[in-house]
Each structure stands twice: as structure tokens, then as C-alpha cells.
PDB file of N, CA and C in Angstrom:
ATOM      1  N   HIS A   1      40.850   1.669  -7.947  1.00  0.00           N
ATOM      2  CA  HIS A   1      39.782   1.372  -7.029  1.00  0.00           C
ATOM      3  C   HIS A   1      38.497   1.015  -7.738  1.00  0.00           C
ATOM      4  N   SER A   2      38.495   1.259  -9.052  1.00  0.00           N
ATOM      5  CA  SER A   2      37.345   0.800  -9.828  1.00  0.00           C
ATOM      6  C   SER A   2      37.337  -0.725  -9.876  1.00  0.00           C
ATOM      7  N   THR A   3      38.520  -1.342  -9.739  1.00  0.00           N
ATOM      8  CA  THR A   3      38.608  -2.795  -9.689  1.00  0.00           C
ATOM      9  C   THR A   3      37.878  -3.323  -8.460  1.00  0.00           C
ATOM     10  N   ASP A   4      38.050  -2.639  -7.326  1.00  0.00           N
ATOM     11  CA  ASP A   4      37.340  -3.032  -6.104  1.00  0.00           C
ATOM     12  C   ASP A   4      35.838  -2.970  -6.317  1.00  0.00           C
ATOM     13  N   TYR A   5      35.385  -1.920  -6.961  1.00  0.00           N
ATOM     14  CA  TYR A   5      33.959  -1.755  -7.225  1.00  0.00           C
ATOM     15  C   TYR A   5      33.448  -2.882  -8.114  1.00  0.00           C
ATOM     16  N   LEU A   6      34.188  -3.210  -9.165  1.00  0.00           N
ATOM     17  CA  LEU A   6      33.773  -4.282 -10.066  1.00  0.00           C
ATOM     18  C   LEU A   6      33.732  -5.626  -9.344  1.00  0.00           C
ATOM     19  N   LEU A   7      34.692  -5.864  -8.459  1.00  0.00           N
ATOM     20  CA  LEU A   7      34.684  -7.100  -7.686  1.00  0.00           C
ATOM     21  C   LEU A   7      33.468  -7.168  -6.761  1.00  0.00           C
ATOM     22  N   LEU A   8      33.130  -6.049  -6.162  1.00  0.00           N
ATOM     23  CA  LEU A   8      31.942  -6.007  -5.299  1.00  0.00           C
ATOM     24  C   LEU A   8      30.668  -6.260  -6.097  1.00  0.00           C
ATOM     25  N   LEU A   9      30.581  -5.705  -7.302  1.00  0.00           N
ATOM     26  CA  LEU A   9      29.422  -5.954  -8.156  1.00  0.00           C
ATOM     27  C   LEU A   9      29.306  -7.436  -8.502  1.00  0.00           C
ATOM     28  N   GLN A  10      30.434  -8.050  -8.822  1.00  0.00           N
ATOM     29  CA  GLN A  10      30.425  -9.471  -9.157  1.00  0.00           C
ATOM     30  C   GLN A  10      30.004 -10.302  -7.945  1.00  0.00           C
ATOM     31  N   LEU A  11      30.495  -9.939  -6.773  1.00  0.00           N
ATOM     32  CA  LEU A  11      30.123 -10.644  -5.554  1.00  0.00           C
ATOM     33  C   LEU A  11      28.633 -10.502  -5.284  1.00  0.00           C
ATOM     34  N   ASP A  12      28.108  -9.310  -5.485  1.00  0.00           N
ATOM     35  CA  ASP A  12      26.684  -9.071  -5.261  1.00  0.00           C
ATOM     36  C   ASP A  12      25.826  -9.944  -6.158  1.00  0.00           C
ATOM     37  N   GLU A  13      26.284 -10.197  -7.369  1.00  0.00           N
ATOM     38  CA  GLU A  13      25.526 -11.020  -8.304  1.00  0.00           C
ATOM     39  C   GLU A  13      25.452 -12.474  -7.855  1.00  0.00           C
ATOM     40  N   THR A  14      26.398 -12.918  -7.024  1.00  0.00           N
ATOM     41  CA  THR A  14      26.406 -14.309  -6.573  1.00  0.00           C
ATOM     42  C   THR A  14      25.555 -14.519  -5.330  1.00  0.00           C
ATOM     43  N   VAL A  15      25.195 -13.437  -4.654  1.00  0.00           N
ATOM     44  CA  VAL A  15      24.380 -13.544  -3.443  1.00  0.00           C
ATOM     45  C   VAL A  15      22.913 -13.610  -3.844  1.00  0.00           C
ATOM     46  N   GLN A  16      22.245 -14.667  -3.383  1.00  0.00           N
ATOM     47  CA  GLN A  16      20.827 -14.792  -3.721  1.00  0.00           C
ATOM     48  C   GLN A  16      20.019 -13.773  -2.921  1.00  0.00           C
ATOM     49  N   LYS A  17      19.250 -12.978  -3.637  1.00  0.00           N
ATOM     50  CA  LYS A  17      18.427 -11.967  -2.985  1.00  0.00           C
ATOM     51  C   LYS A  17      17.205 -12.629  -2.376  1.00  0.00           C
ATOM     52  N   LYS A  18      16.781 -12.113  -1.224  1.00  0.00           N
ATOM     53  CA  LYS A  18      15.565 -12.615  -0.603  1.00  0.00           C
ATOM     54  C   LYS A  18      14.384 -11.942  -1.286  1.00  0.00           C
ATOM     55  N   THR A  19      13.568 -12.750  -1.910  1.00  0.00           N
ATOM     56  CA  THR A  19      12.384 -12.244  -2.595  1.00  0.00           C
ATOM     57  C   THR A  19      11.224 -13.200  -2.336  1.00  0.00           C
ATOM     58  N   LEU A  20      10.058 -12.800  -2.760  1.00  0.00           N
ATOM     59  CA  LEU A  20       8.885 -13.662  -2.682  1.00  0.00           C
ATOM     60  C   LEU A  20       8.589 -14.233  -4.066  1.00  0.00           C
ATOM     61  N   SER A  21       7.963 -15.373  -4.100  1.00  0.00           N
ATOM     62  CA  SER A  21       7.521 -15.930  -5.379  1.00  0.00           C
ATOM     63  C   SER A  21       6.228 -15.224  -5.790  1.00  0.00           C
ATOM     64  N   LYS A  22       5.883 -15.339  -7.062  1.00  0.00           N
ATOM     65  CA  LYS A  22       4.639 -14.724  -7.525  1.00  0.00           C
ATOM     66  C   LYS A  22       3.433 -15.329  -6.807  1.00  0.00           C
ATOM     67  N   SER A  23       3.501 -16.612  -6.492  1.00  0.00           N
ATOM     68  CA  SER A  23       2.373 -17.233  -5.777  1.00  0.00           C
ATOM     69  C   SER A  23       2.267 -16.703  -4.351  1.00  0.00           C
ATOM     70  N   GLU A  24       3.401 -16.404  -3.715  1.00  0.00           N
ATOM     71  CA  GLU A  24       3.362 -15.803  -2.378  1.00  0.00           C
ATOM     72  C   GLU A  24       2.758 -14.404  -2.437  1.00  0.00           C
ATOM     73  N   VAL A  25       3.125 -13.641  -3.454  1.00  0.00           N
ATOM     74  CA  VAL A  25       2.582 -12.289  -3.610  1.00  0.00           C
ATOM     75  C   VAL A  25       1.085 -12.356  -3.904  1.00  0.00           C
ATOM     76  N   SER A  26       0.673 -13.320  -4.707  1.00  0.00           N
ATOM     77  CA  SER A  26      -0.742 -13.415  -5.067  1.00  0.00           C
ATOM     78  C   SER A  26      -1.619 -13.814  -3.882  1.00  0.00           C
ATOM     79  N   ALA A  27      -1.014 -14.268  -2.793  1.00  0.00           N
ATOM     80  CA  ALA A  27      -1.782 -14.616  -1.593  1.00  0.00           C
ATOM     81  C   ALA A  27      -2.245 -13.369  -0.825  1.00  0.00           C
ATOM     82  N   PHE A  28      -1.638 -12.219  -1.098  1.00  0.00           N
ATOM     83  CA  PHE A  28      -2.061 -10.986  -0.436  1.00  0.00           C
ATOM     84  C   PHE A  28      -3.398 -10.524  -1.012  1.00  0.00           C
ATOM     85  N   GLN A  29      -4.139  -9.787  -0.222  1.00  0.00           N
ATOM     86  CA  GLN A  29      -5.466  -9.318  -0.632  1.00  0.00           C
ATOM     87  C   GLN A  29      -5.361  -8.354  -1.818  1.00  0.00           C
ATOM     88  N   VAL A  30      -6.150  -8.622  -2.847  1.00  0.00           N
ATOM     89  CA  VAL A  30      -6.274  -7.720  -3.996  1.00  0.00           C
ATOM     90  C   VAL A  30      -7.688  -7.169  -3.966  1.00  0.00           C
ATOM     91  N   ARG A  31      -7.796  -5.866  -4.125  1.00  0.00           N
ATOM     92  CA  ARG A  31      -9.121  -5.241  -4.120  1.00  0.00           C
ATOM     93  C   ARG A  31      -9.177  -4.178  -5.206  1.00  0.00           C
ATOM     94  N   ILE A  32     -10.351  -3.680  -5.441  1.00  0.00           N
ATOM     95  CA  ILE A  32     -10.556  -2.616  -6.423  1.00  0.00           C
ATOM     96  C   ILE A  32     -10.450  -1.283  -5.695  1.00  0.00           C
ATOM     97  N   TYR A  33      -9.600  -0.403  -6.195  1.00  0.00           N
ATOM     98  CA  TYR A  33      -9.387   0.897  -5.564  1.00  0.00           C
ATOM     99  C   TYR A  33     -10.608   1.781  -5.757  1.00  0.00           C
ATOM    100  N   ASP A  34     -11.094   2.348  -4.647  1.00  0.00           N
ATOM    101  CA  ASP A  34     -12.262   3.232  -4.726  1.00  0.00           C
ATOM    102  C   ASP A  34     -12.051   4.517  -3.932  1.00  0.00           C
ATOM    103  N   GLY A  35     -10.767   4.857  -3.710  1.00  0.00           N
ATOM    104  CA  GLY A  35     -10.449   6.042  -2.911  1.00  0.00           C
ATOM    105  C   GLY A  35     -10.206   7.284  -3.746  1.00  0.00           C
ATOM    106  N   ASP A  36      -9.494   8.203  -3.159  1.00  0.00           N
ATOM    107  CA  ASP A  36      -9.181   9.505  -3.739  1.00  0.00           C
ATOM    108  C   ASP A  36      -8.175   9.349  -4.880  1.00  0.00           C
ATOM    109  N   SER A  37      -8.475   9.878  -6.047  1.00  0.00           N
ATOM    110  CA  SER A  37      -7.587   9.723  -7.209  1.00  0.00           C
ATOM    111  C   SER A  37      -6.328  10.576  -7.127  1.00  0.00           C
ATOM    112  N   SER A  38      -6.184  11.370  -6.066  1.00  0.00           N
ATOM    113  CA  SER A  38      -4.949  12.141  -5.907  1.00  0.00           C
ATOM    114  C   SER A  38      -3.910  11.359  -5.095  1.00  0.00           C
ATOM    115  N   GLU A  39      -4.283  10.192  -4.609  1.00  0.00           N
ATOM    116  CA  GLU A  39      -3.362   9.369  -3.820  1.00  0.00           C
ATOM    117  C   GLU A  39      -2.370   8.675  -4.748  1.00  0.00           C
ATOM    118  N   LEU A  40      -1.089   8.600  -4.321  1.00  0.00           N
ATOM    119  CA  LEU A  40      -0.021   8.043  -5.156  1.00  0.00           C
ATOM    120  C   LEU A  40       0.456   6.685  -4.657  1.00  0.00           C
ATOM    121  N   CYS A  41       0.835   5.841  -5.584  1.00  0.00           N
ATOM    122  CA  CYS A  41       1.519   4.587  -5.278  1.00  0.00           C
ATOM    123  C   CYS A  41       2.937   4.945  -4.834  1.00  0.00           C
ATOM    124  N   ALA A  42       3.377   4.400  -3.710  1.00  0.00           N
ATOM    125  CA  ALA A  42       4.700   4.733  -3.173  1.00  0.00           C
ATOM    126  C   ALA A  42       5.847   4.097  -3.953  1.00  0.00           C
ATOM    127  N   ILE A  43       5.536   3.230  -4.895  1.00  0.00           N
ATOM    128  CA  ILE A  43       6.588   2.602  -5.703  1.00  0.00           C
ATOM    129  C   ILE A  43       6.795   3.363  -7.004  1.00  0.00           C
ATOM    130  N   CYS A  44       5.729   3.598  -7.752  1.00  0.00           N
ATOM    131  CA  CYS A  44       5.870   4.251  -9.063  1.00  0.00           C
ATOM    132  C   CYS A  44       5.496   5.736  -9.041  1.00  0.00           C
ATOM    133  N   PHE A  45       4.925   6.190  -7.939  1.00  0.00           N
ATOM    134  CA  PHE A  45       4.518   7.595  -7.757  1.00  0.00           C
ATOM    135  C   PHE A  45       3.435   8.048  -8.735  1.00  0.00           C
ATOM    136  N   ALA A  46       2.718   7.091  -9.326  1.00  0.00           N
ATOM    137  CA  ALA A  46       1.579   7.435 -10.189  1.00  0.00           C
ATOM    138  C   ALA A  46       0.308   7.401  -9.341  1.00  0.00           C
ATOM    139  N   ASN A  47      -0.670   8.167  -9.754  1.00  0.00           N
ATOM    140  CA  ASN A  47      -1.949   8.195  -9.047  1.00  0.00           C
ATOM    141  C   ASN A  47      -2.684   6.879  -9.224  1.00  0.00           C
ATOM    142  N   TYR A  48      -3.416   6.498  -8.197  1.00  0.00           N
ATOM    143  CA  TYR A  48      -4.352   5.385  -8.328  1.00  0.00           C
ATOM    144  C   TYR A  48      -5.560   5.898  -9.091  1.00  0.00           C
ATOM    145  N   THR A  49      -6.168   5.032  -9.856  1.00  0.00           N
ATOM    146  CA  THR A  49      -7.401   5.415 -10.538  1.00  0.00           C
ATOM    147  C   THR A  49      -8.537   4.543 -10.035  1.00  0.00           C
ATOM    148  N   HIS A  50      -9.689   5.135  -9.963  1.00  0.00           N
ATOM    149  CA  HIS A  50     -10.883   4.448  -9.479  1.00  0.00           C
ATOM    150  C   HIS A  50     -11.124   3.195 -10.321  1.00  0.00           C
ATOM    151  N   GLY A  51     -11.275   2.056  -9.654  1.00  0.00           N
ATOM    152  CA  GLY A  51     -11.572   0.814 -10.354  1.00  0.00           C
ATOM    153  C   GLY A  51     -10.388  -0.071 -10.667  1.00  0.00           C
ATOM    154  N   GLU A  52      -9.158   0.383 -10.414  1.00  0.00           N
ATOM    155  CA  GLU A  52      -8.009  -0.476 -10.706  1.00  0.00           C
ATOM    156  C   GLU A  52      -7.690  -1.377  -9.518  1.00  0.00           C
ATOM    157  N   LYS A  53      -6.947  -2.450  -9.779  1.00  0.00           N
ATOM    158  CA  LYS A  53      -6.588  -3.404  -8.738  1.00  0.00           C
ATOM    159  C   LYS A  53      -5.387  -2.899  -7.935  1.00  0.00           C
ATOM    160  N   VAL A  54      -5.510  -3.026  -6.620  1.00  0.00           N
ATOM    161  CA  VAL A  54      -4.387  -2.731  -5.728  1.00  0.00           C
ATOM    162  C   VAL A  54      -4.197  -3.924  -4.805  1.00  0.00           C
ATOM    163  N   THR A  55      -2.946  -4.175  -4.419  1.00  0.00           N
ATOM    164  CA  THR A  55      -2.616  -5.262  -3.503  1.00  0.00           C
ATOM    165  C   THR A  55      -2.349  -4.670  -2.130  1.00  0.00           C
ATOM    166  N   THR A  56      -2.995  -5.233  -1.119  1.00  0.00           N
ATOM    167  CA  THR A  56      -2.826  -4.772   0.257  1.00  0.00           C
ATOM    168  C   THR A  56      -1.960  -5.756   1.015  1.00  0.00           C
ATOM    169  N   LEU A  57      -0.907  -5.250   1.635  1.00  0.00           N
ATOM    170  CA  LEU A  57      -0.010  -6.073   2.435  1.00  0.00           C
ATOM    171  C   LEU A  57      -0.560  -6.222   3.854  1.00  0.00           C
ATOM    172  N   PRO A  58      -0.019  -7.151   4.652  1.00  0.00           N
ATOM    173  CA  PRO A  58      -0.504  -7.349   6.020  1.00  0.00           C
ATOM    174  C   PRO A  58      -0.425  -6.096   6.903  1.00  0.00           C
ATOM    175  N   CYS A  59       0.431  -5.150   6.559  1.00  0.00           N
ATOM    176  CA  CYS A  59       0.559  -3.899   7.315  1.00  0.00           C
ATOM    177  C   CYS A  59      -0.503  -2.874   6.893  1.00  0.00           C
ATOM    178  N   ASN A  60      -1.359  -3.255   5.951  1.00  0.00           N
ATOM    179  CA  ASN A  60      -2.444  -2.426   5.409  1.00  0.00           C
ATOM    180  C   ASN A  60      -1.997  -1.351   4.424  1.00  0.00           C
ATOM    181  N   HIS A  61      -0.717  -1.328   4.028  1.00  0.00           N
ATOM    182  CA  HIS A  61      -0.296  -0.450   2.943  1.00  0.00           C
ATOM    183  C   HIS A  61      -0.644  -1.148   1.629  1.00  0.00           C
ATOM    184  N   TYR A  62      -1.032  -0.385   0.642  1.00  0.00           N
ATOM    185  CA  TYR A  62      -1.421  -0.971  -0.636  1.00  0.00           C
ATOM    186  C   TYR A  62      -0.727  -0.255  -1.781  1.00  0.00           C
ATOM    187  N   PHE A  63      -0.616  -0.991  -2.897  1.00  0.00           N
ATOM    188  CA  PHE A  63       0.159  -0.546  -4.053  1.00  0.00           C
ATOM    189  C   PHE A  63      -0.496  -1.082  -5.313  1.00  0.00           C
ATOM    190  N   HIS A  64      -0.143  -0.474  -6.463  1.00  0.00           N
ATOM    191  CA  HIS A  64      -0.585  -1.057  -7.728  1.00  0.00           C
ATOM    192  C   HIS A  64      -0.164  -2.528  -7.727  1.00  0.00           C
ATOM    193  N   GLU A  65      -1.027  -3.367  -8.230  1.00  0.00           N
ATOM    194  CA  GLU A  65      -0.753  -4.806  -8.235  1.00  0.00           C
ATOM    195  C   GLU A  65       0.572  -5.129  -8.946  1.00  0.00           C
ATOM    196  N   ALA A  66       0.808  -4.542 -10.103  1.00  0.00           N
ATOM    197  CA  ALA A  66       2.041  -4.812 -10.857  1.00  0.00           C
ATOM    198  C   ALA A  66       3.274  -4.265 -10.143  1.00  0.00           C
ATOM    199  N   CYS A  67       3.143  -3.099  -9.511  1.00  0.00           N
ATOM    200  CA  CYS A  67       4.286  -2.473  -8.823  1.00  0.00           C
ATOM    201  C   CYS A  67       4.769  -3.328  -7.658  1.00  0.00           C
ATOM    202  N   ILE A  68       3.837  -3.752  -6.792  1.00  0.00           N
ATOM    203  CA  ILE A  68       4.249  -4.510  -5.606  1.00  0.00           C
ATOM    204  C   ILE A  68       4.708  -5.909  -5.990  1.00  0.00           C
ATOM    205  N   THR A  69       4.126  -6.464  -7.053  1.00  0.00           N
ATOM    206  CA  THR A  69       4.585  -7.782  -7.511  1.00  0.00           C
ATOM    207  C   THR A  69       6.038  -7.704  -7.960  1.00  0.00           C
ATOM    208  N   GLN A  70       6.372  -6.697  -8.750  1.00  0.00           N
ATOM    209  CA  GLN A  70       7.762  -6.555  -9.200  1.00  0.00           C
ATOM    210  C   GLN A  70       8.687  -6.284  -8.019  1.00  0.00           C
ATOM    211  N   TRP A  71       8.284  -5.410  -7.104  1.00  0.00           N
ATOM    212  CA  TRP A  71       9.097  -5.071  -5.919  1.00  0.00           C
ATOM    213  C   TRP A  71       9.417  -6.330  -5.115  1.00  0.00           C
ATOM    214  N   LEU A  72       8.405  -7.127  -4.828  1.00  0.00           N
ATOM    215  CA  LEU A  72       8.590  -8.278  -3.940  1.00  0.00           C
ATOM    216  C   LEU A  72       9.218  -9.485  -4.619  1.00  0.00           C
ATOM    217  N   THR A  73       9.080  -9.602  -5.943  1.00  0.00           N
ATOM    218  CA  THR A  73       9.647 -10.767  -6.623  1.00  0.00           C
ATOM    219  C   THR A  73      11.048 -10.529  -7.163  1.00  0.00           C
ATOM    220  N   THR A  74      11.482  -9.269  -7.220  1.00  0.00           N
ATOM    221  CA  THR A  74      12.813  -9.010  -7.793  1.00  0.00           C
ATOM    222  C   THR A  74      13.795  -8.328  -6.852  1.00  0.00           C
ATOM    223  N   SER A  75      13.300  -7.646  -5.800  1.00  0.00           N
ATOM    224  CA  SER A  75      14.279  -6.872  -5.038  1.00  0.00           C
ATOM    225  C   SER A  75      14.166  -6.910  -3.526  1.00  0.00           C
ATOM    226  N   ASN A  76      13.004  -7.189  -2.951  1.00  0.00           N
ATOM    227  CA  ASN A  76      12.872  -6.982  -1.515  1.00  0.00           C
ATOM    228  C   ASN A  76      11.754  -7.825  -0.931  1.00  0.00           C
ATOM    229  N   VAL A  77      11.801  -8.040   0.386  1.00  0.00           N
ATOM    230  CA  VAL A  77      10.728  -8.766   1.080  1.00  0.00           C
ATOM    231  C   VAL A  77      10.101  -7.899   2.166  1.00  0.00           C
ATOM    232  N   THR A  78      10.205  -6.589   1.995  1.00  0.00           N
ATOM    233  CA  THR A  78       9.644  -5.674   2.982  1.00  0.00           C
ATOM    234  C   THR A  78       8.668  -4.708   2.321  1.00  0.00           C
ATOM    235  N   CYS A  79       7.772  -4.173   3.134  1.00  0.00           N
ATOM    236  CA  CYS A  79       6.851  -3.150   2.645  1.00  0.00           C
ATOM    237  C   CYS A  79       7.658  -1.893   2.318  1.00  0.00           C
ATOM    238  N   PRO A  80       7.461  -1.308   1.135  1.00  0.00           N
ATOM    239  CA  PRO A  80       8.195  -0.094   0.773  1.00  0.00           C
ATOM    240  C   PRO A  80       7.841   1.117   1.642  1.00  0.00           C
ATOM    241  N   MET A  81       6.726   1.064   2.326  1.00  0.00           N
ATOM    242  CA  MET A  81       6.291   2.197   3.158  1.00  0.00           C
ATOM    243  C   MET A  81       6.839   2.114   4.580  1.00  0.00           C
ATOM    244  N   CYS A  82       6.666   0.960   5.234  1.00  0.00           N
ATOM    245  CA  CYS A  82       7.008   0.872   6.667  1.00  0.00           C
ATOM    246  C   CYS A  82       8.157  -0.082   6.959  1.00  0.00           C
ATOM    247  N   GLY A  83       8.572  -0.861   5.978  1.00  0.00           N
ATOM    248  CA  GLY A  83       9.685  -1.784   6.184  1.00  0.00           C
ATOM    249  C   GLY A  83       9.309  -3.110   6.850  1.00  0.00           C
ATOM    250  N   MET A  84       8.014  -3.372   7.022  1.00  0.00           N
ATOM    251  CA  MET A  84       7.593  -4.632   7.630  1.00  0.00           C
ATOM    252  C   MET A  84       8.099  -5.803   6.782  1.00  0.00           C
ATOM    253  N   ARG A  85       8.773  -6.759   7.437  1.00  0.00           N
ATOM    254  CA  ARG A  85       9.269  -7.949   6.734  1.00  0.00           C
ATOM    255  C   ARG A  85       8.100  -8.868   6.430  1.00  0.00           C
ATOM    256  N   LEU A  86       8.019  -9.325   5.195  1.00  0.00           N
ATOM    257  CA  LEU A  86       6.933 -10.182   4.761  1.00  0.00           C
ATOM    258  C   LEU A  86       7.365 -11.642   4.674  1.00  0.00           C
ATOM    259  N   LYS A  87       8.661 -11.895   4.873  1.00  0.00           N
ATOM    260  CA  LYS A  87       9.191 -13.249   4.828  1.00  0.00           C
ATOM    261  C   LYS A  87      10.513 -13.265   5.576  1.00  0.00           C
ATOM    262  N   ASP A  88      10.765 -14.330   6.327  1.00  0.00           N
ATOM    263  CA  ASP A  88      12.041 -14.439   7.060  1.00  0.00           C
ATOM    264  C   ASP A  88      13.146 -14.956   6.191  1.00  0.00           C
TER     265      ASP A  88
END
């Protein structure tokens, strides 16, 4: 049954994942974080630091700029917090 698993992995590699381009991600609002330093990024679970760049999605959830760029360009087209689809 490991053969079945390997076949499924190979099939998954042939399916194009829905992602956003870097230019699509860069269209979202980027701002300087000025909130509470105990707040965590929902992608990397690291604290935000005062003065760093965060990207805000249309649902108003925000993330480290690098974290959300990697999330949206390599694996998903939804907000990691609420699941809002950012592209059809």
C-alpha cells in the first residue's frame, strides 16, 4: 500500500496548485506594525516587533510580509486565519 501512497504523491505533483503571483501579493496593503509586541503571526508564530512591515489582506488579517508572501505564492490562496479566498 506504500505503492498507492507513492502514486498519489506523484499525482499531486502534476496538479497545479492555486497560488498568487508575487505581484498579486504585493498589491495588498503593507504597513508598519505599531501594535502590541505580544501579538503573534499566525503563520510563523513569532511575535511582531514594533516598526516591522506587515501585509494586510482584504479580510483585515495581517501577517509578516515574508510569511504571507511565501504562504500565498507557494501553497494557498486563502487567508490562514479565516479562510477567505483571495483568488478564484
